[in-house]
């Protein structure tokens, strides 16, 4: 039915429609963002402090030690002091503490369900063999020629440390690469005139036992399974003839001052396999085998891993 008031009655309706068309319209939200990766929520919940049994650590922590553990079921990311730690399919992992590690560390597991589990670790200090030599000067500054040579050698060592070979040697019980007398312990240090401190000893030296047979020319053996990541083709200025073995998961052995090398880079070696002969190449005052170990960029003490030296 037509309104008796005619077309005038429709004017308010037209004005209402026009006003609504001029009103501010909501802006489209844009494309959807992907969800955060599993185990890494945008805002993680408060962490839960746990005990050592949660990570099933093999022993208590101390300076220079390597610990074995098992990550909790459902771990997506494992961290030690904020740095990622690799763990295997069964959850097993290793962590190391250097000579000068502070009194505490934090092991953290970020779980797939978003939880954060944290284990505060107390790291026990150790007493190091410090020799005071107040009348002896450390030595002159190295020449530019030596620095150039040393830089090239160190570059090869760094490349070898970062190969990250596929090996399960890190899971094994380690064996001594040679039997003799430990002439210099890990972490020992000299302090020269005017209190100038020399670099701490980064491994341990195995020399001839008192009254024992000479070590020079006797076999040096792989302490565990691994992959040879460096076998020098000439003696380095400090290390001499050097073999580096990657045992997997960042754990690397370095055997130095060899008289002869019997392996090459890329070779897989088995625990107790001969890799060369003991000598005194490089910076060495006499025949001995220097055994150094690193976990990632952390120097660790081999004796804490392998146990006391057996009798010759």
C-alpha atoms as a PDB file:
ATOM      1  CA  UNK A   1       0.000   0.000   0.000  1.00  0.00           C
ATOM      2  CA  UNK A   2       1.366   3.464  -0.920  1.00  0.00           C
ATOM      3  CA  UNK A   3       2.024   5.775   2.001  1.00  0.00           C
ATOM      4  CA  UNK A   4      -0.364   8.731   1.928  1.00  0.00           C
ATOM      5  CA  UNK A   5       2.528  11.056   2.612  1.00  0.00           C
ATOM      6  CA  UNK A   6       4.085  10.183  -0.769  1.00  0.00           C
ATOM      7  CA  UNK A   7       7.858  10.419  -1.628  1.00  0.00           C
ATOM      8  CA  UNK A   8       8.620  12.801   1.260  1.00  0.00           C
ATOM      9  CA  UNK A   9       8.314   9.901   3.710  1.00  0.00           C
ATOM     10  CA  UNK A  10      11.240   8.040   2.071  1.00  0.00           C
ATOM     11  CA  UNK A  11      13.761  10.869   2.570  1.00  0.00           C
ATOM     12  CA  UNK A  12      14.830   9.939   6.122  1.00  0.00           C
ATOM     13  CA  UNK A  13      15.479   6.373   5.011  1.00  0.00           C
ATOM     14  CA  UNK A  14      17.683   7.515   2.122  1.00  0.00           C
ATOM     15  CA  UNK A  15      19.702   9.783   4.414  1.00  0.00           C
ATOM     16  CA  UNK A  16      20.222   6.918   6.863  1.00  0.00           C
ATOM     17  CA  UNK A  17      21.572   4.644   4.126  1.00  0.00           C
ATOM     18  CA  UNK A  18      23.918   7.359   2.873  1.00  0.00           C
ATOM     19  CA  UNK A  19      25.313   7.981   6.359  1.00  0.00           C
ATOM     20  CA  UNK A  20      25.963   4.321   6.987  1.00  0.00           C
ATOM     21  CA  UNK A  21      27.858   4.003   3.704  1.00  0.00           C
ATOM     22  CA  UNK A  22      30.209   6.829   4.784  1.00  0.00           C
ATOM     23  CA  UNK A  23      30.971   5.277   8.195  1.00  0.00           C
ATOM     24  CA  UNK A  24      34.546   3.930   8.848  1.00  0.00           C
ATOM     25  CA  UNK A  25      34.899   0.321   7.815  1.00  0.00           C
ATOM     26  CA  UNK A  26      37.094  -2.180   9.695  1.00  0.00           C
ATOM     27  CA  UNK A  27      40.510  -2.906   8.154  1.00  0.00           C
ATOM     28  CA  UNK A  28      41.188  -6.469   7.050  1.00  0.00           C
ATOM     29  CA  UNK A  29      43.534  -8.268   9.493  1.00  0.00           C
ATOM     30  CA  UNK A  30      45.946  -9.395   6.762  1.00  0.00           C
ATOM     31  CA  UNK A  31      47.295 -12.875   6.105  1.00  0.00           C
ATOM     32  CA  UNK A  32      47.305 -15.400   8.915  1.00  0.00           C
ATOM     33  CA  UNK A  33      50.668 -15.922  10.671  1.00  0.00           C
ATOM     34  CA  UNK A  34      52.039 -19.460  11.129  1.00  0.00           C
ATOM     35  CA  UNK A  35      51.925 -21.015  14.583  1.00  0.00           C
ATOM     36  CA  UNK A  36      55.165 -20.990  16.639  1.00  0.00           C
ATOM     37  CA  UNK A  37      57.462 -24.002  16.182  1.00  0.00           C
ATOM     38  CA  UNK A  38      56.705 -26.997  18.363  1.00  0.00           C
ATOM     39  CA  UNK A  39      58.336 -26.596  21.763  1.00  0.00           C
ATOM     40  CA  UNK A  40      59.060 -22.892  21.278  1.00  0.00           C
ATOM     41  CA  UNK A  41      55.992 -20.964  22.431  1.00  0.00           C
ATOM     42  CA  UNK A  42      55.868 -17.228  21.889  1.00  0.00           C
ATOM     43  CA  UNK A  43      55.470 -16.611  25.629  1.00  0.00           C
ATOM     44  CA  UNK A  44      56.822 -19.629  27.494  1.00  0.00           C
ATOM     45  CA  UNK A  45      55.257 -20.417  30.840  1.00  0.00           C
ATOM     46  CA  UNK A  46      57.266 -19.947  34.032  1.00  0.00           C
ATOM     47  CA  UNK A  47      60.053 -22.545  34.267  1.00  0.00           C
ATOM     48  CA  UNK A  48      59.866 -25.441  36.692  1.00  0.00           C
ATOM     49  CA  UNK A  49      63.020 -26.213  38.665  1.00  0.00           C
ATOM     50  CA  UNK A  50      63.818 -29.948  38.647  1.00  0.00           C
ATOM     51  CA  UNK A  51      66.460 -32.198  40.188  1.00  0.00           C
ATOM     52  CA  UNK A  52      69.375 -34.000  38.507  1.00  0.00           C
ATOM     53  CA  UNK A  53      67.389 -37.230  38.195  1.00  0.00           C
ATOM     54  CA  UNK A  54      65.164 -35.542  35.619  1.00  0.00           C
ATOM     55  CA  UNK A  55      68.150 -35.402  33.250  1.00  0.00           C
ATOM     56  CA  UNK A  56      69.789 -38.583  34.614  1.00  0.00           C
ATOM     57  CA  UNK A  57      73.237 -37.010  34.748  1.00  0.00           C
ATOM     58  CA  UNK A  58      76.077 -39.536  35.023  1.00  0.00           C
ATOM     59  CA  UNK A  59      78.020 -37.759  37.755  1.00  0.00           C
ATOM     60  CA  UNK A  60      78.355 -34.477  39.592  1.00  0.00           C
ATOM     61  CA  UNK A  61      79.816 -31.530  37.728  1.00  0.00           C
ATOM     62  CA  UNK A  62      83.313 -30.172  38.231  1.00  0.00           C
ATOM     63  CA  UNK A  63      85.713 -28.043  36.252  1.00  0.00           C
ATOM     64  CA  UNK A  64      87.085 -29.966  33.262  1.00  0.00           C
ATOM     65  CA  UNK A  65      84.423 -32.695  33.426  1.00  0.00           C
ATOM     66  CA  UNK A  66      82.281 -34.277  30.725  1.00  0.00           C
ATOM     67  CA  UNK A  67      78.833 -35.467  31.818  1.00  0.00           C
ATOM     68  CA  UNK A  68      76.422 -37.869  30.138  1.00  0.00           C
ATOM     69  CA  UNK A  69      72.685 -37.477  30.488  1.00  0.00           C
ATOM     70  CA  UNK A  70      69.265 -38.322  29.064  1.00  0.00           C
ATOM     71  CA  UNK A  71      66.828 -35.577  28.106  1.00  0.00           C
ATOM     72  CA  UNK A  72      63.285 -35.940  29.493  1.00  0.00           C
ATOM     73  CA  UNK A  73      60.722 -37.555  27.209  1.00  0.00           C
ATOM     74  CA  UNK A  74      59.109 -34.918  25.012  1.00  0.00           C
ATOM     75  CA  UNK A  75      62.100 -32.541  24.928  1.00  0.00           C
ATOM     76  CA  UNK A  76      62.096 -30.321  21.845  1.00  0.00           C
ATOM     77  CA  UNK A  77      65.155 -28.196  22.632  1.00  0.00           C
ATOM     78  CA  UNK A  78      67.995 -28.687  25.116  1.00  0.00           C
ATOM     79  CA  UNK A  79      70.146 -25.766  26.265  1.00  0.00           C
ATOM     80  CA  UNK A  80      73.197 -25.324  28.486  1.00  0.00           C
ATOM     81  CA  UNK A  81      73.582 -21.709  29.597  1.00  0.00           C
ATOM     82  CA  UNK A  82      71.472 -20.666  26.630  1.00  0.00           C
ATOM     83  CA  UNK A  83      73.459 -22.625  24.012  1.00  0.00           C
ATOM     84  CA  UNK A  84      71.811 -25.550  22.170  1.00  0.00           C
ATOM     85  CA  UNK A  85      72.911 -29.048  23.160  1.00  0.00           C
ATOM     86  CA  UNK A  86      72.476 -31.883  20.705  1.00  0.00           C
ATOM     87  CA  UNK A  87      70.665 -34.994  21.942  1.00  0.00           C
ATOM     88  CA  UNK A  88      70.202 -38.341  20.229  1.00  0.00           C
ATOM     89  CA  UNK A  89      67.000 -40.159  19.327  1.00  0.00           C
ATOM     90  CA  UNK A  90      67.006 -41.944  22.692  1.00  0.00           C
ATOM     91  CA  UNK A  91      67.530 -38.643  24.495  1.00  0.00           C
ATOM     92  CA  UNK A  92      71.208 -39.196  25.323  1.00  0.00           C
ATOM     93  CA  UNK A  93      73.512 -36.172  25.354  1.00  0.00           C
ATOM     94  CA  UNK A  94      76.858 -34.955  26.687  1.00  0.00           C
ATOM     95  CA  UNK A  95      77.831 -31.630  28.251  1.00  0.00           C
ATOM     96  CA  UNK A  96      81.270 -30.343  29.229  1.00  0.00           C
ATOM     97  CA  UNK A  97      82.694 -27.785  31.635  1.00  0.00           C
ATOM     98  CA  UNK A  98      85.996 -26.020  31.036  1.00  0.00           C
ATOM     99  CA  UNK A  99      88.928 -25.452  33.365  1.00  0.00           C
ATOM    100  CA  UNK A 100      87.715 -22.003  34.363  1.00  0.00           C
ATOM    101  CA  UNK A 101      83.992 -22.743  34.464  1.00  0.00           C
ATOM    102  CA  UNK A 102      82.196 -20.676  37.095  1.00  0.00           C
ATOM    103  CA  UNK A 103      80.426 -22.158  40.112  1.00  0.00           C
ATOM    104  CA  UNK A 104      77.076 -22.665  38.396  1.00  0.00           C
ATOM    105  CA  UNK A 105      75.425 -23.515  35.087  1.00  0.00           C
ATOM    106  CA  UNK A 106      71.844 -23.923  33.878  1.00  0.00           C
ATOM    107  CA  UNK A 107      70.561 -26.905  31.922  1.00  0.00           C
ATOM    108  CA  UNK A 108      67.151 -26.317  30.343  1.00  0.00           C
ATOM    109  CA  UNK A 109      64.718 -28.531  28.444  1.00  0.00           C
ATOM    110  CA  UNK A 110      61.993 -26.859  26.389  1.00  0.00           C
ATOM    111  CA  UNK A 111      59.235 -29.391  26.037  1.00  0.00           C
ATOM    112  CA  UNK A 112      56.954 -30.020  23.078  1.00  0.00           C
ATOM    113  CA  UNK A 113      53.941 -29.097  25.175  1.00  0.00           C
ATOM    114  CA  UNK A 114      55.434 -25.703  26.026  1.00  0.00           C
ATOM    115  CA  UNK A 115      56.769 -26.473  29.515  1.00  0.00           C
ATOM    116  CA  UNK A 116      60.244 -25.356  30.576  1.00  0.00           C
ATOM    117  CA  UNK A 117      62.290 -27.591  32.859  1.00  0.00           C
ATOM    118  CA  UNK A 118      65.400 -26.094  34.416  1.00  0.00           C
ATOM    119  CA  UNK A 119      68.204 -27.751  36.353  1.00  0.00           C
ATOM    120  CA  UNK A 120      70.625 -25.439  38.197  1.00  0.00           C
ATOM    121  CA  UNK A 121      74.014 -27.214  38.184  1.00  0.00           C
ATOM    122  CA  UNK A 122      76.672 -26.590  40.816  1.00  0.00           C
ATOM    123  CA  UNK A 123      80.158 -26.917  39.315  1.00  0.00           C
ATOM    124  CA  UNK A 124      82.830 -27.868  41.844  1.00  0.00           C
ATOM    125  CA  UNK A 125      86.160 -26.023  41.608  1.00  0.00           C
ATOM    126  CA  UNK A 126      89.450 -27.873  41.275  1.00  0.00           C
ATOM    127  CA  UNK A 127      92.956 -27.072  42.452  1.00  0.00           C
ATOM    128  CA  UNK A 128      95.402 -26.669  39.588  1.00  0.00           C
ATOM    129  CA  UNK A 129      99.152 -27.178  39.473  1.00  0.00           C
ATOM    130  CA  UNK A 130     100.415 -23.579  39.288  1.00  0.00           C
ATOM    131  CA  UNK A 131     104.185 -23.065  38.951  1.00  0.00           C
ATOM    132  CA  UNK A 132     105.540 -19.682  39.996  1.00  0.00           C
ATOM    133  CA  UNK A 133     108.638 -18.674  38.004  1.00  0.00           C
ATOM    134  CA  UNK A 134     109.308 -15.089  39.126  1.00  0.00           C
ATOM    135  CA  UNK A 135     112.792 -14.872  37.574  1.00  0.00           C
ATOM    136  CA  UNK A 136     111.816 -16.318  34.207  1.00  0.00           C
ATOM    137  CA  UNK A 137     110.306 -14.192  31.456  1.00  0.00           C
ATOM    138  CA  UNK A 138     107.642 -15.680  29.231  1.00  0.00           C
ATOM    139  CA  UNK A 139     109.562 -14.989  26.038  1.00  0.00           C
ATOM    140  CA  UNK A 140     109.712 -12.595  23.154  1.00  0.00           C
ATOM    141  CA  UNK A 141     106.784 -11.700  20.947  1.00  0.00           C
ATOM    142  CA  UNK A 142     106.434 -14.027  17.939  1.00  0.00           C
ATOM    143  CA  UNK A 143     107.625 -12.717  14.593  1.00  0.00           C
ATOM    144  CA  UNK A 144     105.211 -11.798  11.823  1.00  0.00           C
ATOM    145  CA  UNK A 145     106.437 -14.781   9.827  1.00  0.00           C
ATOM    146  CA  UNK A 146     105.579 -17.130  12.698  1.00  0.00           C
ATOM    147  CA  UNK A 147     102.192 -15.497  13.238  1.00  0.00           C
ATOM    148  CA  UNK A 148     101.362 -16.063   9.574  1.00  0.00           C
ATOM    149  CA  UNK A 149     102.333 -19.727   9.786  1.00  0.00           C
ATOM    150  CA  UNK A 150     100.465 -20.184  13.054  1.00  0.00           C
ATOM    151  CA  UNK A 151      97.308 -18.543  11.724  1.00  0.00           C
ATOM    152  CA  UNK A 152      97.196 -21.019   8.819  1.00  0.00           C
ATOM    153  CA  UNK A 153      97.727 -23.968  11.189  1.00  0.00           C
ATOM    154  CA  UNK A 154      95.071 -22.771  13.592  1.00  0.00           C
ATOM    155  CA  UNK A 155      92.604 -22.329  10.719  1.00  0.00           C
ATOM    156  CA  UNK A 156      93.018 -26.013   9.805  1.00  0.00           C
ATOM    157  CA  UNK A 157      92.442 -27.022  13.430  1.00  0.00           C
ATOM    158  CA  UNK A 158      89.285 -24.918  13.648  1.00  0.00           C
ATOM    159  CA  UNK A 159      87.899 -26.409  10.438  1.00  0.00           C
ATOM    160  CA  UNK A 160      88.535 -29.911  11.818  1.00  0.00           C
ATOM    161  CA  UNK A 161      86.784 -29.099  15.102  1.00  0.00           C
ATOM    162  CA  UNK A 162      83.686 -28.046  13.202  1.00  0.00           C
ATOM    163  CA  UNK A 163      83.315 -31.086  10.925  1.00  0.00           C
ATOM    164  CA  UNK A 164      80.737 -32.716  13.274  1.00  0.00           C
ATOM    165  CA  UNK A 165      81.348 -36.227  12.014  1.00  0.00           C
ATOM    166  CA  UNK A 166      78.776 -38.984  12.355  1.00  0.00           C
ATOM    167  CA  UNK A 167      80.160 -41.262  15.069  1.00  0.00           C
ATOM    168  CA  UNK A 168      78.917 -42.949  18.237  1.00  0.00           C
ATOM    169  CA  UNK A 169      82.337 -43.035  19.870  1.00  0.00           C
ATOM    170  CA  UNK A 170      81.126 -40.499  22.435  1.00  0.00           C
ATOM    171  CA  UNK A 171      78.908 -43.249  23.889  1.00  0.00           C
ATOM    172  CA  UNK A 172      81.831 -45.604  24.576  1.00  0.00           C
ATOM    173  CA  UNK A 173      84.067 -46.044  27.582  1.00  0.00           C
ATOM    174  CA  UNK A 174      87.306 -44.309  26.613  1.00  0.00           C
ATOM    175  CA  UNK A 175      90.715 -46.012  26.756  1.00  0.00           C
ATOM    176  CA  UNK A 176      94.167 -44.524  27.237  1.00  0.00           C
ATOM    177  CA  UNK A 177      95.880 -43.840  23.882  1.00  0.00           C
ATOM    178  CA  UNK A 178      99.232 -44.829  25.444  1.00  0.00           C
ATOM    179  CA  UNK A 179     100.447 -46.164  28.789  1.00  0.00           C
ATOM    180  CA  UNK A 180     103.158 -44.350  30.708  1.00  0.00           C
ATOM    181  CA  UNK A 181     103.693 -41.578  33.237  1.00  0.00           C
ATOM    182  CA  UNK A 182     101.551 -38.446  33.215  1.00  0.00           C
ATOM    183  CA  UNK A 183     104.240 -35.784  33.094  1.00  0.00           C
ATOM    184  CA  UNK A 184     101.948 -32.744  32.798  1.00  0.00           C
ATOM    185  CA  UNK A 185      98.361 -32.610  34.009  1.00  0.00           C
ATOM    186  CA  UNK A 186      95.417 -30.858  32.405  1.00  0.00           C
ATOM    187  CA  UNK A 187      94.980 -27.301  33.652  1.00  0.00           C
ATOM    188  CA  UNK A 188      98.530 -26.820  34.936  1.00  0.00           C
ATOM    189  CA  UNK A 189      99.935 -23.342  34.415  1.00  0.00           C
ATOM    190  CA  UNK A 190     103.104 -21.283  34.740  1.00  0.00           C
ATOM    191  CA  UNK A 191     103.228 -17.757  36.109  1.00  0.00           C
ATOM    192  CA  UNK A 192     106.284 -15.860  34.886  1.00  0.00           C
ATOM    193  CA  UNK A 193     108.076 -12.695  35.986  1.00  0.00           C
ATOM    194  CA  UNK A 194     105.859  -9.725  36.856  1.00  0.00           C
ATOM    195  CA  UNK A 195     102.889 -12.074  37.303  1.00  0.00           C
ATOM    196  CA  UNK A 196     102.470 -12.808  33.596  1.00  0.00           C
ATOM    197  CA  UNK A 197     100.383 -15.992  33.374  1.00  0.00           C
ATOM    198  CA  UNK A 198     101.034 -18.508  30.637  1.00  0.00           C
ATOM    199  CA  UNK A 199      98.224 -20.383  28.929  1.00  0.00           C
ATOM    200  CA  UNK A 200      96.853 -23.311  30.966  1.00  0.00           C
ATOM    201  CA  UNK A 201      97.809 -26.754  29.693  1.00  0.00           C
ATOM    202  CA  UNK A 202      94.915 -27.864  27.507  1.00  0.00           C
ATOM    203  CA  UNK A 203      95.417 -31.617  27.808  1.00  0.00           C
ATOM    204  CA  UNK A 204      97.685 -34.131  29.495  1.00  0.00           C
ATOM    205  CA  UNK A 205     101.133 -35.411  28.545  1.00  0.00           C
ATOM    206  CA  UNK A 206     102.030 -39.104  28.617  1.00  0.00           C
ATOM    207  CA  UNK A 207     105.771 -39.717  28.922  1.00  0.00           C
ATOM    208  CA  UNK A 208     108.072 -42.597  29.698  1.00  0.00           C
ATOM    209  CA  UNK A 209     107.406 -44.153  33.079  1.00  0.00           C
ATOM    210  CA  UNK A 210     110.279 -44.164  35.567  1.00  0.00           C
ATOM    211  CA  UNK A 211     112.341 -47.223  34.766  1.00  0.00           C
ATOM    212  CA  UNK A 212     109.956 -48.087  31.920  1.00  0.00           C
ATOM    213  CA  UNK A 213     110.595 -48.595  28.250  1.00  0.00           C
ATOM    214  CA  UNK A 214     111.024 -45.604  25.971  1.00  0.00           C
ATOM    215  CA  UNK A 215     107.806 -44.354  24.363  1.00  0.00           C
ATOM    216  CA  UNK A 216     109.327 -42.925  21.210  1.00  0.00           C
ATOM    217  CA  UNK A 217     108.353 -45.022  18.214  1.00  0.00           C
ATOM    218  CA  UNK A 218     105.661 -46.955  20.113  1.00  0.00           C
ATOM    219  CA  UNK A 219     102.008 -46.902  19.002  1.00  0.00           C
ATOM    220  CA  UNK A 220      99.540 -44.132  19.769  1.00  0.00           C
ATOM    221  CA  UNK A 221      95.996 -45.489  19.700  1.00  0.00           C
ATOM    222  CA  UNK A 222      92.496 -44.085  19.208  1.00  0.00           C
ATOM    223  CA  UNK A 223      90.872 -43.641  22.644  1.00  0.00           C
ATOM    224  CA  UNK A 224      87.413 -44.409  21.184  1.00  0.00           C
ATOM    225  CA  UNK A 225      85.688 -44.923  17.852  1.00  0.00           C
ATOM    226  CA  UNK A 226      85.600 -41.910  15.600  1.00  0.00           C
ATOM    227  CA  UNK A 227      86.382 -40.253  12.297  1.00  0.00           C
ATOM    228  CA  UNK A 228      89.772 -38.701  11.535  1.00  0.00           C
ATOM    229  CA  UNK A 229      89.078 -35.037  10.783  1.00  0.00           C
ATOM    230  CA  UNK A 230      92.703 -33.902  10.571  1.00  0.00           C
ATOM    231  CA  UNK A 231      95.944 -35.727   9.892  1.00  0.00           C
ATOM    232  CA  UNK A 232      98.599 -33.121   9.203  1.00  0.00           C
ATOM    233  CA  UNK A 233     100.856 -33.595   6.190  1.00  0.00           C
ATOM    234  CA  UNK A 234     103.728 -31.827   7.978  1.00  0.00           C
ATOM    235  CA  UNK A 235     104.577 -31.051  11.604  1.00  0.00           C
ATOM    236  CA  UNK A 236     102.772 -27.986  12.950  1.00  0.00           C
ATOM    237  CA  UNK A 237     104.892 -25.464  14.829  1.00  0.00           C
ATOM    238  CA  UNK A 238     103.332 -26.278  18.218  1.00  0.00           C
ATOM    239  CA  UNK A 239     101.492 -29.611  17.875  1.00  0.00           C
ATOM    240  CA  UNK A 240     103.989 -31.319  15.575  1.00  0.00           C
ATOM    241  CA  UNK A 241     102.440 -34.217  13.682  1.00  0.00           C
ATOM    242  CA  UNK A 242      98.809 -34.049  14.744  1.00  0.00           C
ATOM    243  CA  UNK A 243      95.808 -36.364  14.436  1.00  0.00           C
ATOM    244  CA  UNK A 244      92.322 -35.200  15.427  1.00  0.00           C
ATOM    245  CA  UNK A 245      89.516 -37.739  15.891  1.00  0.00           C
ATOM    246  CA  UNK A 246      85.860 -36.700  16.019  1.00  0.00           C
ATOM    247  CA  UNK A 247      83.947 -39.044  18.338  1.00  0.00           C
ATOM    248  CA  UNK A 248      80.596 -37.427  17.523  1.00  0.00           C
ATOM    249  CA  UNK A 249      78.326 -34.915  19.267  1.00  0.00           C
ATOM    250  CA  UNK A 250      81.100 -32.314  19.442  1.00  0.00           C
ATOM    251  CA  UNK A 251      83.631 -34.510  21.269  1.00  0.00           C
ATOM    252  CA  UNK A 252      87.094 -34.423  19.646  1.00  0.00           C
ATOM    253  CA  UNK A 253      90.461 -35.933  20.626  1.00  0.00           C
ATOM    254  CA  UNK A 254      93.777 -34.421  19.532  1.00  0.00           C
ATOM    255  CA  UNK A 255      96.943 -36.547  19.648  1.00  0.00           C
ATOM    256  CA  UNK A 256     100.110 -34.474  19.199  1.00  0.00           C
ATOM    257  CA  UNK A 257     103.901 -34.649  18.685  1.00  0.00           C
ATOM    258  CA  UNK A 258     103.656 -37.894  16.716  1.00  0.00           C
ATOM    259  CA  UNK A 259     106.716 -39.324  15.020  1.00  0.00           C
ATOM    260  CA  UNK A 260     104.574 -40.829  12.272  1.00  0.00           C
ATOM    261  CA  UNK A 261     100.928 -40.713  11.208  1.00  0.00           C
ATOM    262  CA  UNK A 262      99.266 -43.879   9.880  1.00  0.00           C
ATOM    263  CA  UNK A 263      95.767 -42.553   9.124  1.00  0.00           C
ATOM    264  CA  UNK A 264      94.272 -39.895   6.890  1.00  0.00           C
ATOM    265  CA  UNK A 265      91.359 -37.487   7.090  1.00  0.00           C
ATOM    266  CA  UNK A 266      88.046 -39.273   6.534  1.00  0.00           C
ATOM    267  CA  UNK A 267      89.221 -42.612   7.937  1.00  0.00           C
ATOM    268  CA  UNK A 268      86.961 -44.301  10.450  1.00  0.00           C
ATOM    269  CA  UNK A 269      88.984 -45.625  13.354  1.00  0.00           C
ATOM    270  CA  UNK A 270      88.045 -48.032  16.124  1.00  0.00           C
ATOM    271  CA  UNK A 271      88.911 -47.774  19.785  1.00  0.00           C
ATOM    272  CA  UNK A 272      92.487 -48.986  20.442  1.00  0.00           C
ATOM    273  CA  UNK A 273      93.372 -48.831  16.736  1.00  0.00           C
ATOM    274  CA  UNK A 274      96.920 -47.630  16.057  1.00  0.00           C
ATOM    275  CA  UNK A 275      96.890 -44.176  14.454  1.00  0.00           C
ATOM    276  CA  UNK A 276     100.629 -43.437  14.481  1.00  0.00           C
ATOM    277  CA  UNK A 277     103.828 -43.560  16.516  1.00  0.00           C
ATOM    278  CA  UNK A 278     104.756 -41.441  19.520  1.00  0.00           C
ATOM    279  CA  UNK A 279     107.505 -38.883  18.940  1.00  0.00           C
ATOM    280  CA  UNK A 280     108.572 -35.359  19.864  1.00  0.00           C
ATOM    281  CA  UNK A 281     107.763 -33.256  16.813  1.00  0.00           C
ATOM    282  CA  UNK A 282     106.632 -29.654  17.210  1.00  0.00           C
ATOM    283  CA  UNK A 283     107.269 -27.827  20.473  1.00  0.00           C
ATOM    284  CA  UNK A 284     108.371 -30.717  22.681  1.00  0.00           C
ATOM    285  CA  UNK A 285     111.357 -31.146  24.955  1.00  0.00           C
ATOM    286  CA  UNK A 286     111.289 -34.917  24.699  1.00  0.00           C
ATOM    287  CA  UNK A 287     109.250 -37.871  23.446  1.00  0.00           C
ATOM    288  CA  UNK A 288     105.710 -37.857  24.781  1.00  0.00           C
ATOM    289  CA  UNK A 289     102.090 -37.978  23.648  1.00  0.00           C
ATOM    290  CA  UNK A 290      99.894 -34.981  24.309  1.00  0.00           C
ATOM    291  CA  UNK A 291      96.203 -35.923  24.480  1.00  0.00           C
ATOM    292  CA  UNK A 292      93.775 -33.040  24.383  1.00  0.00           C
ATOM    293  CA  UNK A 293      89.983 -33.214  24.291  1.00  0.00           C
ATOM    294  CA  UNK A 294      87.316 -30.669  23.465  1.00  0.00           C
ATOM    295  CA  UNK A 295      83.546 -30.678  23.636  1.00  0.00           C
ATOM    296  CA  UNK A 296      82.482 -28.081  21.090  1.00  0.00           C
ATOM    297  CA  UNK A 297      84.727 -25.138  22.068  1.00  0.00           C
ATOM    298  CA  UNK A 298      85.283 -26.316  25.672  1.00  0.00           C
ATOM    299  CA  UNK A 299      88.539 -28.002  26.712  1.00  0.00           C
ATOM    300  CA  UNK A 300      87.925 -30.930  29.046  1.00  0.00           C
ATOM    301  CA  UNK A 301      90.204 -33.114  31.155  1.00  0.00           C
ATOM    302  CA  UNK A 302      90.718 -36.570  29.603  1.00  0.00           C
ATOM    303  CA  UNK A 303      91.559 -38.211  32.933  1.00  0.00           C
ATOM    304  CA  UNK A 304      88.043 -37.503  34.233  1.00  0.00           C
ATOM    305  CA  UNK A 305      86.699 -39.414  31.252  1.00  0.00           C
ATOM    306  CA  UNK A 306      89.107 -42.343  31.088  1.00  0.00           C
ATOM    307  CA  UNK A 307      90.022 -42.869  34.769  1.00  0.00           C
ATOM    308  CA  UNK A 308      93.418 -43.428  36.414  1.00  0.00           C
ATOM    309  CA  UNK A 309      96.430 -44.443  34.344  1.00  0.00           C
ATOM    310  CA  UNK A 310      96.924 -48.232  34.545  1.00  0.00           C
ATOM    311  CA  UNK A 311     100.269 -49.678  35.525  1.00  0.00           C
ATOM    312  CA  UNK A 312     102.674 -50.133  32.578  1.00  0.00           C
END
